[in-house]
């Protein structure tokens, strides 16, 4: 038994693009060396899934998270924006409850909440099912390889 991370980018038409972990690491460490011109000047939804494997075959989704990647005009990933959003999400989860001032009003630091929301999305049930199917190798997606796109058909 083992675990595998599966990342998918979704375009405006909900088409799925599998982002290999090695490509993601390259995008984080040196964004200029790994542009995705398909997503130039866009904010793109990402689904990050942790999949349980049995005999190297995916059997179930363990965890799913959804975020937003920002790409510049050249198609280079903006890791700084993504990192700010992730830190804001973590900070929001760990933040203390709102406090009362003078017993009448509640003070909330909304800045963190807005930054976190800017990097978050929730798929419809039908879209979540399609993403899960792709992660379990039962759905159709396009695999992002080097600087070209390679179609990957359904395995079932």
Protein backbone atom coordinates (compact mmCIF):
# COMPACT_ATOMS: atom_id res chain seq x y z
CA UNK A 1 0.00 0.00 0.00
CA UNK A 2 1.16 3.53 -0.72
CA UNK A 3 0.13 7.09 -1.44
CA UNK A 4 0.43 9.24 -4.53
CA UNK A 5 -0.18 12.94 -5.11
CA UNK A 6 -2.19 13.85 -8.22
CA UNK A 7 -2.54 17.46 -9.37
CA UNK A 8 -4.92 18.72 -12.03
CA UNK A 9 -5.28 22.17 -13.53
CA UNK A 10 -8.71 23.09 -14.89
CA UNK A 11 -9.22 25.53 -17.74
CA UNK A 12 -12.24 27.81 -18.22
CA UNK A 13 -14.17 24.94 -19.85
CA UNK A 14 -13.41 22.50 -16.97
CA UNK A 15 -10.96 20.51 -19.11
CA UNK A 16 -8.54 18.62 -16.87
CA UNK A 17 -4.75 18.83 -17.25
CA UNK A 18 -2.60 16.52 -15.12
CA UNK A 19 0.38 18.35 -13.68
CA UNK A 20 3.22 15.94 -12.87
CA UNK A 21 4.78 16.47 -9.44
CA UNK A 22 8.22 17.00 -11.00
CA UNK A 23 6.83 19.80 -13.20
CA UNK A 24 5.13 21.39 -10.20
CA UNK A 25 8.40 21.33 -8.21
CA UNK A 26 10.20 22.92 -11.17
CA UNK A 27 7.51 25.61 -11.41
CA UNK A 28 7.93 26.39 -7.69
CA UNK A 29 11.73 26.54 -7.75
CA UNK A 30 12.27 28.26 -11.11
CA UNK A 31 9.00 29.49 -12.64
CA UNK A 32 10.69 31.06 -15.67
CA UNK A 33 12.18 27.72 -16.74
CA UNK A 34 8.82 25.98 -16.88
CA UNK A 35 6.12 28.20 -18.44
CA UNK A 36 2.69 26.90 -19.34
CA UNK A 37 1.74 29.23 -22.18
CA UNK A 38 -1.70 27.64 -22.35
CA UNK A 39 -2.48 29.43 -19.08
CA UNK A 40 -0.73 32.76 -19.79
CA UNK A 41 -2.31 35.75 -17.98
CA UNK A 42 -4.84 33.54 -16.19
CA UNK A 43 -5.90 32.47 -12.72
CA UNK A 44 -6.34 28.72 -13.04
CA UNK A 45 -8.14 26.34 -10.68
CA UNK A 46 -6.11 23.45 -9.30
CA UNK A 47 -7.23 20.21 -7.68
CA UNK A 48 -4.64 18.49 -5.49
CA UNK A 49 -5.56 14.94 -4.52
CA UNK A 50 -3.88 12.34 -2.36
CA UNK A 51 -4.62 8.85 -3.70
CA UNK A 52 -4.18 5.52 -1.94
CA UNK A 53 -2.45 2.85 -4.03
CA UNK A 54 -2.65 -0.92 -3.81
CA UNK A 55 -0.12 -2.81 -5.94
CA UNK A 56 0.64 0.56 -7.61
CA UNK A 57 -2.99 0.94 -8.69
CA UNK A 58 -5.11 3.84 -7.36
CA UNK A 59 -7.97 2.56 -5.20
CA UNK A 60 -9.41 5.59 -3.38
CA UNK A 61 -9.11 9.31 -2.79
CA UNK A 62 -7.72 10.07 0.67
CA UNK A 63 -7.80 13.89 0.53
CA UNK A 64 -8.78 16.61 -1.92
CA UNK A 65 -7.91 20.29 -1.76
CA UNK A 66 -8.65 23.02 -4.28
CA UNK A 67 -6.71 26.18 -4.97
CA UNK A 68 -5.84 28.79 -7.57
CA UNK A 69 -2.62 29.21 -9.54
CA UNK A 70 -1.78 32.58 -11.09
CA UNK A 71 0.23 32.74 -14.31
CA UNK A 72 1.85 35.85 -15.79
CA UNK A 73 1.69 36.98 -19.43
CA UNK A 74 4.47 34.55 -20.38
CA UNK A 75 2.71 31.58 -18.75
CA UNK A 76 5.06 31.50 -15.75
CA UNK A 77 3.57 30.40 -12.45
CA UNK A 78 3.52 33.03 -9.68
CA UNK A 79 4.65 31.11 -6.58
CA UNK A 80 4.58 34.23 -4.38
CA UNK A 81 0.84 34.73 -4.80
CA UNK A 82 0.21 31.03 -4.21
CA UNK A 83 2.36 31.04 -1.09
CA UNK A 84 0.55 34.12 0.31
CA UNK A 85 -2.79 32.41 -0.26
CA UNK A 86 -1.62 29.18 1.38
CA UNK A 87 -0.25 31.03 4.41
CA UNK A 88 -3.49 32.98 4.70
CA UNK A 89 -5.49 29.72 4.59
CA UNK A 90 -3.30 28.24 7.34
CA UNK A 91 -3.47 31.43 9.39
CA UNK A 92 -7.25 31.51 9.03
CA UNK A 93 -7.51 27.91 10.22
CA UNK A 94 -5.30 28.62 13.25
CA UNK A 95 -6.71 32.08 14.07
CA UNK A 96 -8.38 32.60 17.42
CA UNK A 97 -12.08 33.31 17.59
CA UNK A 98 -13.19 36.92 16.98
CA UNK A 99 -13.01 39.13 20.08
CA UNK A 100 -15.53 41.54 21.51
CA UNK A 101 -14.50 45.15 22.01
CA UNK A 102 -16.34 47.08 24.73
CA UNK A 103 -18.83 44.22 24.93
CA UNK A 104 -20.73 45.36 21.82
CA UNK A 105 -18.85 44.79 18.58
CA UNK A 106 -16.74 41.99 17.15
CA UNK A 107 -13.35 42.74 15.60
CA UNK A 108 -12.25 40.52 12.74
CA UNK A 109 -9.13 40.92 10.59
CA UNK A 110 -10.74 40.40 7.18
CA UNK A 111 -7.52 40.88 5.17
CA UNK A 112 -6.38 37.30 5.79
CA UNK A 113 -9.83 35.97 4.97
CA UNK A 114 -9.92 37.78 1.61
CA UNK A 115 -6.42 36.61 0.66
CA UNK A 116 -7.35 33.02 1.58
CA UNK A 117 -10.61 33.18 -0.40
CA UNK A 118 -8.73 34.41 -3.45
CA UNK A 119 -6.85 31.13 -3.54
CA UNK A 120 -9.77 28.84 -2.87
CA UNK A 121 -12.63 27.30 -4.84
CA UNK A 122 -15.11 24.45 -4.47
CA UNK A 123 -16.08 22.20 -7.37
CA UNK A 124 -19.64 21.16 -8.08
CA UNK A 125 -20.41 17.53 -7.13
CA UNK A 126 -20.31 16.53 -10.82
CA UNK A 127 -16.95 18.22 -11.38
CA UNK A 128 -15.52 16.72 -8.16
CA UNK A 129 -16.58 13.29 -9.44
CA UNK A 130 -14.79 13.90 -12.78
CA UNK A 131 -11.64 15.02 -10.96
CA UNK A 132 -11.75 11.97 -8.68
CA UNK A 133 -12.24 9.69 -11.70
CA UNK A 134 -9.20 11.21 -13.41
CA UNK A 135 -7.11 10.79 -10.25
CA UNK A 136 -8.16 7.14 -10.09
CA UNK A 137 -7.19 6.70 -13.77
CA UNK A 138 -10.80 6.21 -14.87
CA UNK A 139 -11.32 9.56 -16.55
CA UNK A 140 -9.96 11.52 -19.47
CA UNK A 141 -7.41 14.27 -19.01
CA UNK A 142 -4.47 15.86 -20.80
CA UNK A 143 -1.05 15.38 -19.24
CA UNK A 144 1.21 18.43 -19.14
CA UNK A 145 4.66 17.27 -20.22
CA UNK A 146 7.66 19.55 -20.76
CA UNK A 147 6.44 22.43 -22.94
CA UNK A 148 3.90 20.42 -24.91
CA UNK A 149 0.57 18.77 -24.16
CA UNK A 150 0.16 15.04 -24.51
CA UNK A 151 -3.38 13.60 -24.50
CA UNK A 152 -3.93 10.72 -22.11
CA UNK A 153 -7.04 8.64 -22.74
CA UNK A 154 -9.23 6.97 -20.18
CA UNK A 155 -7.77 3.74 -18.83
CA UNK A 156 -11.20 2.12 -18.63
